[in-house]
Amino acid sequence: MLTKTRKLKIIKAAGIHEKDTGSPEVQIAVLTKRIDELSKHLKEHKKDTHSRRGLLSMVADRQSHLRYLQKKNTRRYNTIVRKLELKK
């Protein structure tokens, strides 16, 4: 589970400015962390279909944010992909 303090650390690391919570970079970083945690959970609990559906929804949401960022600002897109070690 993503605690408040961990989420604040992620926001501070990925944010453009101090109070940035809505930029695509921050949203992608938070979703990536949640996806990592949920995929670890699903490795242990293979029959948890409700969580799997949520995971697929988060992955699709992250892809939408990545597509938007790539279309609007390629430099910022490349930076966040490198920082989070995501596949292109």
N, C-alpha and C. Protein backbone atom coordinates (compact mmCIF):
# COMPACT_ATOMS: atom_id res chain seq x y z
N MET A 1 0.84 -1.17 0.00
CA MET A 1 0.00 0.00 0.00
C MET A 1 0.89 1.24 0.00
N LEU A 2 0.51 2.22 -0.77
CA LEU A 2 1.27 3.45 -0.91
C LEU A 2 0.89 4.40 0.22
N THR A 3 1.80 4.59 1.16
CA THR A 3 1.51 5.47 2.29
C THR A 3 1.68 6.93 1.89
N LYS A 4 1.19 7.80 2.74
CA LYS A 4 1.23 9.23 2.45
C LYS A 4 2.67 9.74 2.33
N THR A 5 3.54 9.28 3.21
CA THR A 5 4.92 9.75 3.17
C THR A 5 5.65 9.26 1.92
N ARG A 6 5.42 8.00 1.54
CA ARG A 6 6.04 7.49 0.32
C ARG A 6 5.54 8.23 -0.91
N LYS A 7 4.24 8.53 -0.91
CA LYS A 7 3.66 9.26 -2.04
C LYS A 7 4.25 10.67 -2.13
N LEU A 8 4.45 11.32 -0.99
CA LEU A 8 5.06 12.65 -0.98
C LEU A 8 6.50 12.61 -1.51
N LYS A 9 7.25 11.55 -1.18
CA LYS A 9 8.61 11.40 -1.69
C LYS A 9 8.60 11.24 -3.21
N ILE A 10 7.66 10.45 -3.71
CA ILE A 10 7.55 10.25 -5.15
C ILE A 10 7.19 11.56 -5.85
N ILE A 11 6.25 12.31 -5.26
CA ILE A 11 5.84 13.58 -5.84
C ILE A 11 7.00 14.57 -5.85
N LYS A 12 7.76 14.61 -4.76
CA LYS A 12 8.90 15.52 -4.68
C LYS A 12 9.96 15.16 -5.70
N ALA A 13 10.18 13.87 -5.92
CA ALA A 13 11.21 13.43 -6.87
C ALA A 13 10.80 13.69 -8.32
N ALA A 14 9.51 13.53 -8.64
CA ALA A 14 9.07 13.64 -10.03
C ALA A 14 8.47 14.99 -10.37
N GLY A 15 8.11 15.77 -9.36
CA GLY A 15 7.41 17.03 -9.60
C GLY A 15 8.28 18.11 -10.20
N ILE A 16 7.64 19.03 -10.88
CA ILE A 16 8.33 20.15 -11.50
C ILE A 16 8.63 21.23 -10.46
N HIS A 17 7.67 21.47 -9.58
CA HIS A 17 7.86 22.43 -8.50
C HIS A 17 7.37 21.80 -7.20
N GLU A 18 7.45 22.53 -6.11
CA GLU A 18 7.20 21.97 -4.78
C GLU A 18 5.78 21.43 -4.58
N LYS A 19 4.78 22.13 -5.04
CA LYS A 19 3.39 21.73 -4.81
C LYS A 19 2.77 21.06 -6.03
N ASP A 20 3.60 20.51 -6.88
CA ASP A 20 3.13 19.89 -8.12
C ASP A 20 2.56 18.50 -7.83
N THR A 21 1.27 18.31 -8.08
CA THR A 21 0.66 17.00 -7.92
C THR A 21 -0.09 16.56 -9.17
N GLY A 22 -0.29 17.46 -10.12
CA GLY A 22 -1.13 17.14 -11.26
C GLY A 22 -0.41 17.00 -12.57
N SER A 23 0.88 17.25 -12.62
CA SER A 23 1.59 17.14 -13.89
C SER A 23 1.64 15.68 -14.33
N PRO A 24 1.75 15.44 -15.62
CA PRO A 24 1.80 14.06 -16.11
C PRO A 24 2.96 13.26 -15.51
N GLU A 25 4.10 13.92 -15.26
CA GLU A 25 5.25 13.21 -14.70
C GLU A 25 4.92 12.64 -13.32
N VAL A 26 4.27 13.45 -12.48
CA VAL A 26 3.92 13.01 -11.13
C VAL A 26 2.90 11.89 -11.20
N GLN A 27 1.89 12.05 -12.03
CA GLN A 27 0.86 11.02 -12.14
C GLN A 27 1.45 9.71 -12.65
N ILE A 28 2.37 9.78 -13.61
CA ILE A 28 3.01 8.58 -14.14
C ILE A 28 3.85 7.92 -13.06
N ALA A 29 4.59 8.71 -12.28
CA ALA A 29 5.44 8.16 -11.23
C ALA A 29 4.61 7.48 -10.14
N VAL A 30 3.52 8.10 -9.72
CA VAL A 30 2.67 7.51 -8.68
C VAL A 30 2.02 6.23 -9.20
N LEU A 31 1.52 6.27 -10.43
CA LEU A 31 0.91 5.07 -11.01
C LEU A 31 1.93 3.94 -11.13
N THR A 32 3.15 4.27 -11.51
CA THR A 32 4.19 3.26 -11.65
C THR A 32 4.46 2.58 -10.32
N LYS A 33 4.54 3.34 -9.25
CA LYS A 33 4.78 2.77 -7.93
C LYS A 33 3.61 1.87 -7.51
N ARG A 34 2.37 2.33 -7.75
CA ARG A 34 1.20 1.53 -7.41
C ARG A 34 1.16 0.24 -8.23
N ILE A 35 1.53 0.34 -9.51
CA ILE A 35 1.56 -0.84 -10.38
C ILE A 35 2.58 -1.85 -9.88
N ASP A 36 3.76 -1.37 -9.48
CA ASP A 36 4.80 -2.27 -8.95
C ASP A 36 4.31 -3.01 -7.72
N GLU A 37 3.69 -2.27 -6.80
CA GLU A 37 3.21 -2.90 -5.56
C GLU A 37 2.09 -3.90 -5.83
N LEU A 38 1.19 -3.55 -6.73
CA LEU A 38 0.07 -4.44 -7.03
C LEU A 38 0.53 -5.69 -7.79
N SER A 39 1.53 -5.54 -8.65
CA SER A 39 2.03 -6.73 -9.36
C SER A 39 2.74 -7.68 -8.40
N LYS A 40 3.41 -7.15 -7.36
CA LYS A 40 4.00 -8.02 -6.33
C LYS A 40 2.90 -8.77 -5.59
N HIS A 41 1.81 -8.08 -5.28
CA HIS A 41 0.68 -8.71 -4.60
C HIS A 41 0.10 -9.83 -5.46
N LEU A 42 -0.03 -9.59 -6.76
CA LEU A 42 -0.65 -10.58 -7.64
C LEU A 42 0.26 -11.78 -7.89
N LYS A 43 1.55 -11.64 -7.70
CA LYS A 43 2.42 -12.80 -7.82
C LYS A 43 2.15 -13.79 -6.70
N GLU A 44 1.78 -13.27 -5.54
CA GLU A 44 1.47 -14.13 -4.40
C GLU A 44 0.04 -14.62 -4.43
N HIS A 45 -0.89 -13.77 -4.84
CA HIS A 45 -2.32 -14.10 -4.85
C HIS A 45 -2.80 -14.17 -6.31
N LYS A 46 -2.56 -15.29 -6.94
CA LYS A 46 -2.81 -15.43 -8.37
C LYS A 46 -4.28 -15.37 -8.76
N LYS A 47 -5.18 -15.71 -7.86
CA LYS A 47 -6.60 -15.75 -8.20
C LYS A 47 -7.36 -14.49 -7.84
N ASP A 48 -6.66 -13.43 -7.48
CA ASP A 48 -7.29 -12.17 -7.10
C ASP A 48 -7.64 -11.39 -8.37
N THR A 49 -8.78 -11.73 -8.96
CA THR A 49 -9.15 -11.14 -10.24
C THR A 49 -9.57 -9.68 -10.11
N HIS A 50 -10.12 -9.28 -8.99
CA HIS A 50 -10.54 -7.89 -8.81
C HIS A 50 -9.33 -6.96 -8.80
N SER A 51 -8.28 -7.38 -8.13
CA SER A 51 -7.06 -6.57 -8.11
C SER A 51 -6.40 -6.57 -9.49
N ARG A 52 -6.48 -7.70 -10.20
CA ARG A 52 -5.90 -7.76 -11.54
C ARG A 52 -6.60 -6.78 -12.48
N ARG A 53 -7.91 -6.66 -12.33
CA ARG A 53 -8.66 -5.71 -13.16
C ARG A 53 -8.22 -4.28 -12.84
N GLY A 54 -8.02 -3.98 -11.56
CA GLY A 54 -7.52 -2.67 -11.17
C GLY A 54 -6.14 -2.39 -11.72
N LEU A 55 -5.29 -3.42 -11.72
CA LEU A 55 -3.94 -3.28 -12.26
C LEU A 55 -3.99 -2.95 -13.74
N LEU A 56 -4.81 -3.66 -14.48
CA LEU A 56 -4.93 -3.39 -15.91
C LEU A 56 -5.45 -1.99 -16.18
N SER A 57 -6.35 -1.53 -15.34
CA SER A 57 -6.87 -0.17 -15.46
C SER A 57 -5.77 0.86 -15.22
N MET A 58 -4.94 0.62 -14.20
CA MET A 58 -3.84 1.55 -13.91
C MET A 58 -2.81 1.57 -15.03
N VAL A 59 -2.53 0.40 -15.60
CA VAL A 59 -1.57 0.33 -16.71
C VAL A 59 -2.09 1.12 -17.90
N ALA A 60 -3.37 0.99 -18.20
CA ALA A 60 -3.97 1.73 -19.31
C ALA A 60 -3.94 3.23 -19.04
N ASP A 61 -4.20 3.62 -17.80
CA ASP A 61 -4.18 5.03 -17.43
C ASP A 61 -2.77 5.60 -17.57
N ARG A 62 -1.77 4.83 -17.14
CA ARG A 62 -0.38 5.28 -17.27
C ARG A 62 0.00 5.43 -18.73
N GLN A 63 -0.44 4.48 -19.56
CA GLN A 63 -0.15 4.57 -20.99
C GLN A 63 -0.78 5.82 -21.61
N SER A 64 -1.97 6.17 -21.17
CA SER A 64 -2.62 7.38 -21.67
C SER A 64 -1.82 8.62 -21.30
N HIS A 65 -1.35 8.67 -20.06
CA HIS A 65 -0.54 9.81 -19.63
C HIS A 65 0.77 9.86 -20.41
N LEU A 66 1.39 8.70 -20.65
CA LEU A 66 2.64 8.67 -21.41
C LEU A 66 2.43 9.13 -22.86
N ARG A 67 1.34 8.68 -23.48
CA ARG A 67 1.05 9.11 -24.85
C ARG A 67 0.83 10.61 -24.92
N TYR A 68 0.08 11.14 -23.94
CA TYR A 68 -0.17 12.58 -23.90
C TYR A 68 1.14 13.35 -23.76
N LEU A 69 2.00 12.92 -22.86
CA LEU A 69 3.26 13.61 -22.62
C LEU A 69 4.17 13.52 -23.83
N GLN A 70 4.18 12.38 -24.50
CA GLN A 70 5.01 12.22 -25.69
C GLN A 70 4.54 13.16 -26.80
N LYS A 71 3.24 13.31 -26.92
CA LYS A 71 2.69 14.18 -27.95
C LYS A 71 2.96 15.66 -27.65
N LYS A 72 2.86 16.05 -26.37
CA LYS A 72 2.99 17.45 -25.99
C LYS A 72 4.43 17.90 -25.81
N ASN A 73 5.27 17.06 -25.19
CA ASN A 73 6.64 17.47 -24.88
C ASN A 73 7.53 16.23 -24.86
N THR A 74 8.22 15.98 -25.96
CA THR A 74 9.03 14.77 -26.11
C THR A 74 10.20 14.74 -25.13
N ARG A 75 10.78 15.90 -24.85
CA ARG A 75 11.92 15.95 -23.93
C ARG A 75 11.51 15.50 -22.53
N ARG A 76 10.39 16.00 -22.03
CA ARG A 76 9.90 15.60 -20.71
C ARG A 76 9.52 14.13 -20.69
N TYR A 77 8.96 13.65 -21.80
CA TYR A 77 8.61 12.22 -21.92
C TYR A 77 9.85 11.35 -21.80
N ASN A 78 10.89 11.69 -22.55
CA ASN A 78 12.12 10.90 -22.51
C ASN A 78 12.76 10.93 -21.12
N THR A 79 12.68 12.08 -20.44
CA THR A 79 13.24 12.20 -19.10
C THR A 79 12.53 11.27 -18.12
N ILE A 80 11.21 11.28 -18.13
CA ILE A 80 10.45 10.47 -17.17
C ILE A 80 10.60 8.98 -17.47
N VAL A 81 10.68 8.61 -18.74
CA VAL A 81 10.87 7.20 -19.11
C VAL A 81 12.22 6.71 -18.62
N ARG A 82 13.26 7.54 -18.78
CA ARG A 82 14.58 7.17 -18.31
C ARG A 82 14.63 7.09 -16.79
N LYS A 83 14.00 8.06 -16.12
CA LYS A 83 14.05 8.12 -14.66
C LYS A 83 13.34 6.93 -14.03
N LEU A 84 12.20 6.52 -14.60
CA LEU A 84 11.42 5.42 -14.04
C LEU A 84 11.79 4.06 -14.64
N GLU A 85 12.71 4.07 -15.61
CA GLU A 85 13.17 2.84 -16.27
C GLU A 85 12.01 2.08 -16.90
N LEU A 86 11.18 2.79 -17.68
CA LEU A 86 10.06 2.19 -18.37
C LEU A 86 10.45 1.83 -19.79
N LYS A 87 9.74 0.89 -20.37
CA LYS A 87 9.94 0.56 -21.77
C LYS A 87 9.27 1.63 -22.61
N LYS A 88 9.82 1.89 -23.77
CA LYS A 88 9.20 2.87 -24.67
C LYS A 88 8.13 2.24 -25.50
